[in-house]
PDB file of N, CA and C in Angstrom:
ATOM      1  N   UNK A   1     -16.357  -9.890   9.903  1.00  0.00           N
ATOM      2  CA  UNK A   1     -15.080  -9.688  10.552  1.00  0.00           C
ATOM      3  C   UNK A   1     -15.265  -9.913  12.039  1.00  0.00           C
ATOM      4  N   UNK A   2     -14.357 -10.634  12.619  1.00  0.00           N
ATOM      5  CA  UNK A   2     -14.476 -10.917  14.041  1.00  0.00           C
ATOM      6  C   UNK A   2     -13.974  -9.747  14.866  1.00  0.00           C
ATOM      7  N   UNK A   3     -14.329  -9.759  16.134  1.00  0.00           N
ATOM      8  CA  UNK A   3     -13.910  -8.681  17.025  1.00  0.00           C
ATOM      9  C   UNK A   3     -12.392  -8.668  17.189  1.00  0.00           C
ATOM     10  N   UNK A   4     -11.770  -9.840  17.181  1.00  0.00           N
ATOM     11  CA  UNK A   4     -10.314  -9.903  17.333  1.00  0.00           C
ATOM     12  C   UNK A   4      -9.633  -9.267  16.127  1.00  0.00           C
ATOM     13  N   UNK A   5     -10.100  -9.584  14.919  1.00  0.00           N
ATOM     14  CA  UNK A   5      -9.519  -9.004  13.717  1.00  0.00           C
ATOM     15  C   UNK A   5      -9.716  -7.505  13.694  1.00  0.00           C
ATOM     16  N   UNK A   6     -10.891  -7.042  14.071  1.00  0.00           N
ATOM     17  CA  UNK A   6     -11.165  -5.612  14.091  1.00  0.00           C
ATOM     18  C   UNK A   6     -10.244  -4.911  15.076  1.00  0.00           C
ATOM     19  N   UNK A   7     -10.057  -5.495  16.235  1.00  0.00           N
ATOM     20  CA  UNK A   7      -9.189  -4.884  17.239  1.00  0.00           C
ATOM     21  C   UNK A   7      -7.743  -4.873  16.771  1.00  0.00           C
ATOM     22  N   UNK A   8      -7.320  -5.930  16.129  1.00  0.00           N
ATOM     23  CA  UNK A   8      -5.927  -6.070  15.721  1.00  0.00           C
ATOM     24  C   UNK A   8      -5.565  -5.086  14.611  1.00  0.00           C
ATOM     25  N   UNK A   9      -6.430  -4.900  13.637  1.00  0.00           N
ATOM     26  CA  UNK A   9      -6.110  -4.039  12.499  1.00  0.00           C
ATOM     27  C   UNK A   9      -6.650  -2.635  12.652  1.00  0.00           C
ATOM     28  N   UNK A  10      -7.576  -2.421  13.545  1.00  0.00           N
ATOM     29  CA  UNK A  10      -8.133  -1.099  13.729  1.00  0.00           C
ATOM     30  C   UNK A  10      -9.381  -0.850  12.903  1.00  0.00           C
ATOM     31  N   UNK A  11      -9.883  -1.836  12.219  1.00  0.00           N
ATOM     32  CA  UNK A  11     -11.093  -1.673  11.436  1.00  0.00           C
ATOM     33  C   UNK A  11     -10.786  -1.306   9.995  1.00  0.00           C
ATOM     34  N   UNK A  12     -11.785  -1.436   9.147  1.00  0.00           N
ATOM     35  CA  UNK A  12     -11.610  -1.208   7.721  1.00  0.00           C
ATOM     36  C   UNK A  12     -11.213   0.199   7.355  1.00  0.00           C
ATOM     37  N   UNK A  13     -11.837   1.184   7.972  1.00  0.00           N
ATOM     38  CA  UNK A  13     -11.542   2.570   7.633  1.00  0.00           C
ATOM     39  C   UNK A  13     -10.107   2.923   7.991  1.00  0.00           C
ATOM     40  N   UNK A  14      -9.642   2.469   9.142  1.00  0.00           N
ATOM     41  CA  UNK A  14      -8.261   2.773   9.547  1.00  0.00           C
ATOM     42  C   UNK A  14      -7.254   2.100   8.623  1.00  0.00           C
ATOM     43  N   UNK A  15      -7.551   0.888   8.199  1.00  0.00           N
ATOM     44  CA  UNK A  15      -6.661   0.183   7.279  1.00  0.00           C
ATOM     45  C   UNK A  15      -6.593   0.938   5.955  1.00  0.00           C
ATOM     46  N   UNK A  16      -7.737   1.332   5.434  1.00  0.00           N
ATOM     47  CA  UNK A  16      -7.756   2.087   4.178  1.00  0.00           C
ATOM     48  C   UNK A  16      -7.039   3.420   4.323  1.00  0.00           C
ATOM     49  N   UNK A  17      -7.222   4.093   5.459  1.00  0.00           N
ATOM     50  CA  UNK A  17      -6.535   5.365   5.686  1.00  0.00           C
ATOM     51  C   UNK A  17      -5.025   5.171   5.709  1.00  0.00           C
ATOM     52  N   UNK A  18      -4.552   4.103   6.331  1.00  0.00           N
ATOM     53  CA  UNK A  18      -3.112   3.825   6.361  1.00  0.00           C
ATOM     54  C   UNK A  18      -2.585   3.506   4.967  1.00  0.00           C
ATOM     55  N   UNK A  19      -3.355   2.748   4.194  1.00  0.00           N
ATOM     56  CA  UNK A  19      -2.937   2.428   2.833  1.00  0.00           C
ATOM     57  C   UNK A  19      -2.843   3.693   1.993  1.00  0.00           C
ATOM     58  N   UNK A  20      -3.843   4.548   2.109  1.00  0.00           N
ATOM     59  CA  UNK A  20      -3.823   5.800   1.343  1.00  0.00           C
ATOM     60  C   UNK A  20      -2.646   6.679   1.737  1.00  0.00           C
ATOM     61  N   UNK A  21      -2.373   6.762   3.025  1.00  0.00           N
ATOM     62  CA  UNK A  21      -1.262   7.579   3.504  1.00  0.00           C
ATOM     63  C   UNK A  21       0.071   7.052   2.960  1.00  0.00           C
ATOM     64  N   UNK A  22       0.278   5.760   3.013  1.00  0.00           N
ATOM     65  CA  UNK A  22       1.511   5.178   2.490  1.00  0.00           C
ATOM     66  C   UNK A  22       1.629   5.428   0.986  1.00  0.00           C
ATOM     67  N   UNK A  23       0.520   5.308   0.277  1.00  0.00           N
ATOM     68  CA  UNK A  23       0.502   5.536  -1.159  1.00  0.00           C
ATOM     69  C   UNK A  23       0.832   7.000  -1.469  1.00  0.00           C
ATOM     70  N   UNK A  24       0.270   7.923  -0.714  1.00  0.00           N
ATOM     71  CA  UNK A  24       0.550   9.344  -0.930  1.00  0.00           C
ATOM     72  C   UNK A  24       1.999   9.697  -0.607  1.00  0.00           C
ATOM     73  N   UNK A  25       2.540   9.148   0.452  1.00  0.00           N
ATOM     74  CA  UNK A  25       3.938   9.414   0.810  1.00  0.00           C
ATOM     75  C   UNK A  25       4.866   8.921  -0.299  1.00  0.00           C
ATOM     76  N   UNK A  26       4.597   7.738  -0.826  1.00  0.00           N
ATOM     77  CA  UNK A  26       5.412   7.216  -1.920  1.00  0.00           C
ATOM     78  C   UNK A  26       5.270   8.097  -3.161  1.00  0.00           C
ATOM     79  N   UNK A  27       4.070   8.566  -3.435  1.00  0.00           N
ATOM     80  CA  UNK A  27       3.854   9.465  -4.568  1.00  0.00           C
ATOM     81  C   UNK A  27       4.597  10.779  -4.406  1.00  0.00           C
ATOM     82  N   UNK A  28       4.627  11.304  -3.205  1.00  0.00           N
ATOM     83  CA  UNK A  28       5.363  12.542  -2.939  1.00  0.00           C
ATOM     84  C   UNK A  28       6.862  12.318  -3.158  1.00  0.00           C
ATOM     85  N   UNK A  29       7.370  11.161  -2.774  1.00  0.00           N
ATOM     86  CA  UNK A  29       8.787  10.853  -3.002  1.00  0.00           C
ATOM     87  C   UNK A  29       9.101  10.814  -4.493  1.00  0.00           C
ATOM     88  N   UNK A  30       8.198  10.266  -5.290  1.00  0.00           N
ATOM     89  CA  UNK A  30       8.406  10.227  -6.738  1.00  0.00           C
ATOM     90  C   UNK A  30       8.392  11.639  -7.308  1.00  0.00           C
ATOM     91  N   UNK A  31       7.448  12.457  -6.875  1.00  0.00           N
ATOM     92  CA  UNK A  31       7.387  13.849  -7.342  1.00  0.00           C
ATOM     93  C   UNK A  31       8.661  14.588  -6.953  1.00  0.00           C
ATOM     94  N   UNK A  32       9.152  14.387  -5.740  1.00  0.00           N
ATOM     95  CA  UNK A  32      10.393  15.022  -5.301  1.00  0.00           C
ATOM     96  C   UNK A  32      11.557  14.568  -6.172  1.00  0.00           C
ATOM     97  N   UNK A  33      11.587  13.310  -6.536  1.00  0.00           N
ATOM     98  CA  UNK A  33      12.653  12.787  -7.398  1.00  0.00           C
ATOM     99  C   UNK A  33      12.606  13.444  -8.778  1.00  0.00           C
ATOM    100  N   UNK A  34      11.406  13.601  -9.312  1.00  0.00           N
ATOM    101  CA  UNK A  34      11.272  14.148 -10.663  1.00  0.00           C
ATOM    102  C   UNK A  34      11.579  15.643 -10.697  1.00  0.00           C
ATOM    103  N   UNK A  35      11.097  16.402  -9.707  1.00  0.00           N
ATOM    104  CA  UNK A  35      11.181  17.849  -9.775  1.00  0.00           C
ATOM    105  C   UNK A  35      12.298  18.474  -8.946  1.00  0.00           C
ATOM    106  N   UNK A  36      12.897  17.750  -8.018  1.00  0.00           N
ATOM    107  CA  UNK A  36      13.943  18.336  -7.180  1.00  0.00           C
ATOM    108  C   UNK A  36      15.268  18.348  -7.934  1.00  0.00           C
ATOM    109  N   UNK A  37      15.976  19.469  -7.868  1.00  0.00           N
ATOM    110  CA  UNK A  37      17.291  19.488  -8.518  1.00  0.00           C
ATOM    111  C   UNK A  37      18.279  18.621  -7.729  1.00  0.00           C
ATOM    112  N   UNK A  38      19.107  17.898  -8.430  1.00  0.00           N
ATOM    113  CA  UNK A  38      20.106  17.058  -7.780  1.00  0.00           C
ATOM    114  C   UNK A  38      19.514  15.895  -7.019  1.00  0.00           C
ATOM    115  N   UNK A  39      18.479  15.283  -7.549  1.00  0.00           N
ATOM    116  CA  UNK A  39      17.820  14.182  -6.860  1.00  0.00           C
ATOM    117  C   UNK A  39      18.428  12.834  -7.240  1.00  0.00           C
ATOM    118  N   UNK A  40      19.677  12.845  -7.699  1.00  0.00           N
ATOM    119  CA  UNK A  40      20.328  11.596  -8.101  1.00  0.00           C
ATOM    120  C   UNK A  40      20.479  10.638  -6.920  1.00  0.00           C
ATOM    121  N   UNK A  41      20.541  11.181  -5.710  1.00  0.00           N
ATOM    122  CA  UNK A  41      20.668  10.326  -4.532  1.00  0.00           C
ATOM    123  C   UNK A  41      19.415   9.476  -4.321  1.00  0.00           C
ATOM    124  N   UNK A  42      18.288   9.953  -4.812  1.00  0.00           N
ATOM    125  CA  UNK A  42      17.032   9.205  -4.655  1.00  0.00           C
ATOM    126  C   UNK A  42      16.797   8.189  -5.768  1.00  0.00           C
ATOM    127  N   UNK A  43      17.654   8.205  -6.776  1.00  0.00           N
ATOM    128  CA  UNK A  43      17.387   7.394  -7.964  1.00  0.00           C
ATOM    129  C   UNK A  43      17.227   5.910  -7.652  1.00  0.00           C
ATOM    130  N   UNK A  44      18.148   5.325  -6.926  1.00  0.00           N
ATOM    131  CA  UNK A  44      18.063   3.887  -6.631  1.00  0.00           C
ATOM    132  C   UNK A  44      16.851   3.577  -5.759  1.00  0.00           C
ATOM    133  N   UNK A  45      16.581   4.419  -4.769  1.00  0.00           N
ATOM    134  CA  UNK A  45      15.431   4.186  -3.889  1.00  0.00           C
ATOM    135  C   UNK A  45      14.126   4.262  -4.664  1.00  0.00           C
ATOM    136  N   UNK A  46      14.020   5.244  -5.538  1.00  0.00           N
ATOM    137  CA  UNK A  46      12.787   5.395  -6.317  1.00  0.00           C
ATOM    138  C   UNK A  46      12.626   4.226  -7.284  1.00  0.00           C
ATOM    139  N   UNK A  47      13.695   3.865  -7.957  1.00  0.00           N
ATOM    140  CA  UNK A  47      13.614   2.824  -8.977  1.00  0.00           C
ATOM    141  C   UNK A  47      13.341   1.442  -8.398  1.00  0.00           C
ATOM    142  N   UNK A  48      13.969   1.102  -7.279  1.00  0.00           N
ATOM    143  CA  UNK A  48      13.904  -0.270  -6.792  1.00  0.00           C
ATOM    144  C   UNK A  48      12.994  -0.473  -5.589  1.00  0.00           C
ATOM    145  N   UNK A  49      12.597   0.602  -4.904  1.00  0.00           N
ATOM    146  CA  UNK A  49      11.767   0.431  -3.712  1.00  0.00           C
ATOM    147  C   UNK A  49      10.445   1.181  -3.849  1.00  0.00           C
ATOM    148  N   UNK A  50      10.522   2.480  -4.078  1.00  0.00           N
ATOM    149  CA  UNK A  50       9.319   3.315  -4.011  1.00  0.00           C
ATOM    150  C   UNK A  50       8.341   3.033  -5.150  1.00  0.00           C
ATOM    151  N   UNK A  51       8.805   2.993  -6.385  1.00  0.00           N
ATOM    152  CA  UNK A  51       7.875   2.741  -7.496  1.00  0.00           C
ATOM    153  C   UNK A  51       7.209   1.359  -7.421  1.00  0.00           C
ATOM    154  N   UNK A  52       7.946   0.286  -7.129  1.00  0.00           N
ATOM    155  CA  UNK A  52       7.245  -1.005  -6.974  1.00  0.00           C
ATOM    156  C   UNK A  52       6.238  -1.006  -5.825  1.00  0.00           C
ATOM    157  N   UNK A  53       6.598  -0.375  -4.697  1.00  0.00           N
ATOM    158  CA  UNK A  53       5.642  -0.291  -3.588  1.00  0.00           C
ATOM    159  C   UNK A  53       4.437   0.570  -3.945  1.00  0.00           C
ATOM    160  N   UNK A  54       4.671   1.646  -4.678  1.00  0.00           N
ATOM    161  CA  UNK A  54       3.578   2.515  -5.110  1.00  0.00           C
ATOM    162  C   UNK A  54       2.619   1.755  -6.023  1.00  0.00           C
ATOM    163  N   UNK A  55       3.167   1.009  -6.968  1.00  0.00           N
ATOM    164  CA  UNK A  55       2.327   0.216  -7.871  1.00  0.00           C
ATOM    165  C   UNK A  55       1.571  -0.869  -7.107  1.00  0.00           C
ATOM    166  N   UNK A  56       2.264  -1.564  -6.207  1.00  0.00           N
ATOM    167  CA  UNK A  56       1.616  -2.636  -5.442  1.00  0.00           C
ATOM    168  C   UNK A  56       0.516  -2.097  -4.538  1.00  0.00           C
ATOM    169  N   UNK A  57       0.768  -0.958  -3.880  1.00  0.00           N
ATOM    170  CA  UNK A  57      -0.266  -0.409  -2.996  1.00  0.00           C
ATOM    171  C   UNK A  57      -1.458   0.086  -3.791  1.00  0.00           C
ATOM    172  N   UNK A  58      -1.221   0.645  -4.974  1.00  0.00           N
ATOM    173  CA  UNK A  58      -2.330   1.083  -5.821  1.00  0.00           C
ATOM    174  C   UNK A  58      -3.198  -0.076  -6.271  1.00  0.00           C
ATOM    175  N   UNK A  59      -2.564  -1.149  -6.714  1.00  0.00           N
ATOM    176  CA  UNK A  59      -3.314  -2.332  -7.146  1.00  0.00           C
ATOM    177  C   UNK A  59      -4.034  -2.961  -5.960  1.00  0.00           C
ATOM    178  N   UNK A  60      -3.382  -3.003  -4.811  1.00  0.00           N
ATOM    179  CA  UNK A  60      -4.003  -3.582  -3.622  1.00  0.00           C
ATOM    180  C   UNK A  60      -5.238  -2.788  -3.200  1.00  0.00           C
ATOM    181  N   UNK A  61      -5.154  -1.459  -3.213  1.00  0.00           N
ATOM    182  CA  UNK A  61      -6.332  -0.648  -2.868  1.00  0.00           C
ATOM    183  C   UNK A  61      -7.449  -0.855  -3.881  1.00  0.00           C
ATOM    184  N   UNK A  62      -7.079  -0.970  -5.149  1.00  0.00           N
ATOM    185  CA  UNK A  62      -8.055  -1.140  -6.218  1.00  0.00           C
ATOM    186  C   UNK A  62      -8.751  -2.493  -6.122  1.00  0.00           C
ATOM    187  N   UNK A  63      -7.998  -3.541  -5.814  1.00  0.00           N
ATOM    188  CA  UNK A  63      -8.543  -4.889  -5.823  1.00  0.00           C
ATOM    189  C   UNK A  63      -8.783  -5.450  -4.418  1.00  0.00           C
ATOM    190  N   UNK A  64      -8.823  -4.602  -3.411  1.00  0.00           N
ATOM    191  CA  UNK A  64      -8.927  -5.057  -2.025  1.00  0.00           C
ATOM    192  C   UNK A  64     -10.090  -6.016  -1.771  1.00  0.00           C
ATOM    193  N   UNK A  65     -11.314  -5.753  -2.253  1.00  0.00           N
ATOM    194  CA  UNK A  65     -12.403  -6.716  -1.990  1.00  0.00           C
ATOM    195  C   UNK A  65     -12.113  -8.114  -2.548  1.00  0.00           C
ATOM    196  N   UNK A  66     -11.530  -8.187  -3.731  1.00  0.00           N
ATOM    197  CA  UNK A  66     -11.206  -9.492  -4.312  1.00  0.00           C
ATOM    198  C   UNK A  66     -10.115 -10.192  -3.516  1.00  0.00           C
ATOM    199  N   UNK A  67      -9.130  -9.432  -3.033  1.00  0.00           N
ATOM    200  CA  UNK A  67      -8.051 -10.014  -2.234  1.00  0.00           C
ATOM    201  C   UNK A  67      -8.616 -10.587  -0.936  1.00  0.00           C
ATOM    202  N   UNK A  68      -9.518  -9.855  -0.293  1.00  0.00           N
ATOM    203  CA  UNK A  68     -10.133 -10.343   0.950  1.00  0.00           C
ATOM    204  C   UNK A  68     -10.926 -11.615   0.722  1.00  0.00           C
ATOM    205  N   UNK A  69     -11.713 -11.656  -0.371  1.00  0.00           N
ATOM    206  CA  UNK A  69     -12.486 -12.863  -0.669  1.00  0.00           C
ATOM    207  C   UNK A  69     -11.571 -14.057  -0.917  1.00  0.00           C
ATOM    208  N   UNK A  70     -10.493 -13.841  -1.663  1.00  0.00           N
ATOM    209  CA  UNK A  70      -9.545 -14.908  -1.934  1.00  0.00           C
ATOM    210  C   UNK A  70      -8.891 -15.394  -0.642  1.00  0.00           C
ATOM    211  N   UNK A  71      -8.516 -14.471   0.227  1.00  0.00           N
ATOM    212  CA  UNK A  71      -7.899 -14.858   1.509  1.00  0.00           C
ATOM    213  C   UNK A  71      -8.876 -15.662   2.362  1.00  0.00           C
ATOM    214  N   UNK A  72     -10.135 -15.248   2.401  1.00  0.00           N
ATOM    215  CA  UNK A  72     -11.145 -16.001   3.163  1.00  0.00           C
ATOM    216  C   UNK A  72     -11.306 -17.399   2.617  1.00  0.00           C
ATOM    217  N   UNK A  73     -11.360 -17.510   1.283  1.00  0.00           N
ATOM    218  CA  UNK A  73     -11.543 -18.811   0.646  1.00  0.00           C
ATOM    219  C   UNK A  73     -10.356 -19.713   0.937  1.00  0.00           C
ATOM    220  N   UNK A  74      -9.140 -19.171   0.875  1.00  0.00           N
ATOM    221  CA  UNK A  74      -7.946 -19.980   1.156  1.00  0.00           C
ATOM    222  C   UNK A  74      -7.883 -20.390   2.621  1.00  0.00           C
ATOM    223  N   UNK A  75      -8.306 -19.487   3.526  1.00  0.00           N
ATOM    224  CA  UNK A  75      -8.325 -19.825   4.956  1.00  0.00           C
ATOM    225  C   UNK A  75      -9.319 -20.929   5.265  1.00  0.00           C
ATOM    226  N   UNK A  76     -10.468 -20.892   4.611  1.00  0.00           N
ATOM    227  CA  UNK A  76     -11.490 -21.900   4.895  1.00  0.00           C
ATOM    228  C   UNK A  76     -11.091 -23.270   4.340  1.00  0.00           C
ATOM    229  N   UNK A  77     -10.286 -23.305   3.295  1.00  0.00           N
ATOM    230  CA  UNK A  77      -9.813 -24.575   2.736  1.00  0.00           C
ATOM    231  C   UNK A  77      -8.706 -25.194   3.559  1.00  0.00           C
ATOM    232  N   UNK A  78      -7.946 -24.380   4.256  1.00  0.00           N
ATOM    233  CA  UNK A  78      -6.782 -24.896   5.016  1.00  0.00           C
ATOM    234  C   UNK A  78      -7.183 -25.548   6.307  1.00  0.00           C
TER     235      UNK A  78
END
């Protein structure tokens, strides 16, 4: 990783910490939707925004090394 990339993103640990925080916040929203009385107002947000983002962030955290390798390979070909 170059110094510019490290400075721009804050380094690997900070990126992972931000991903985890976003994932946890989305998970808390889902729990609030399931257990809060009268959470019908959250239904559309949970169904169309929060759950897809939660799934995508989970898969991204799980497959992050493969995604980075693929991005490097595509950058070097371009």
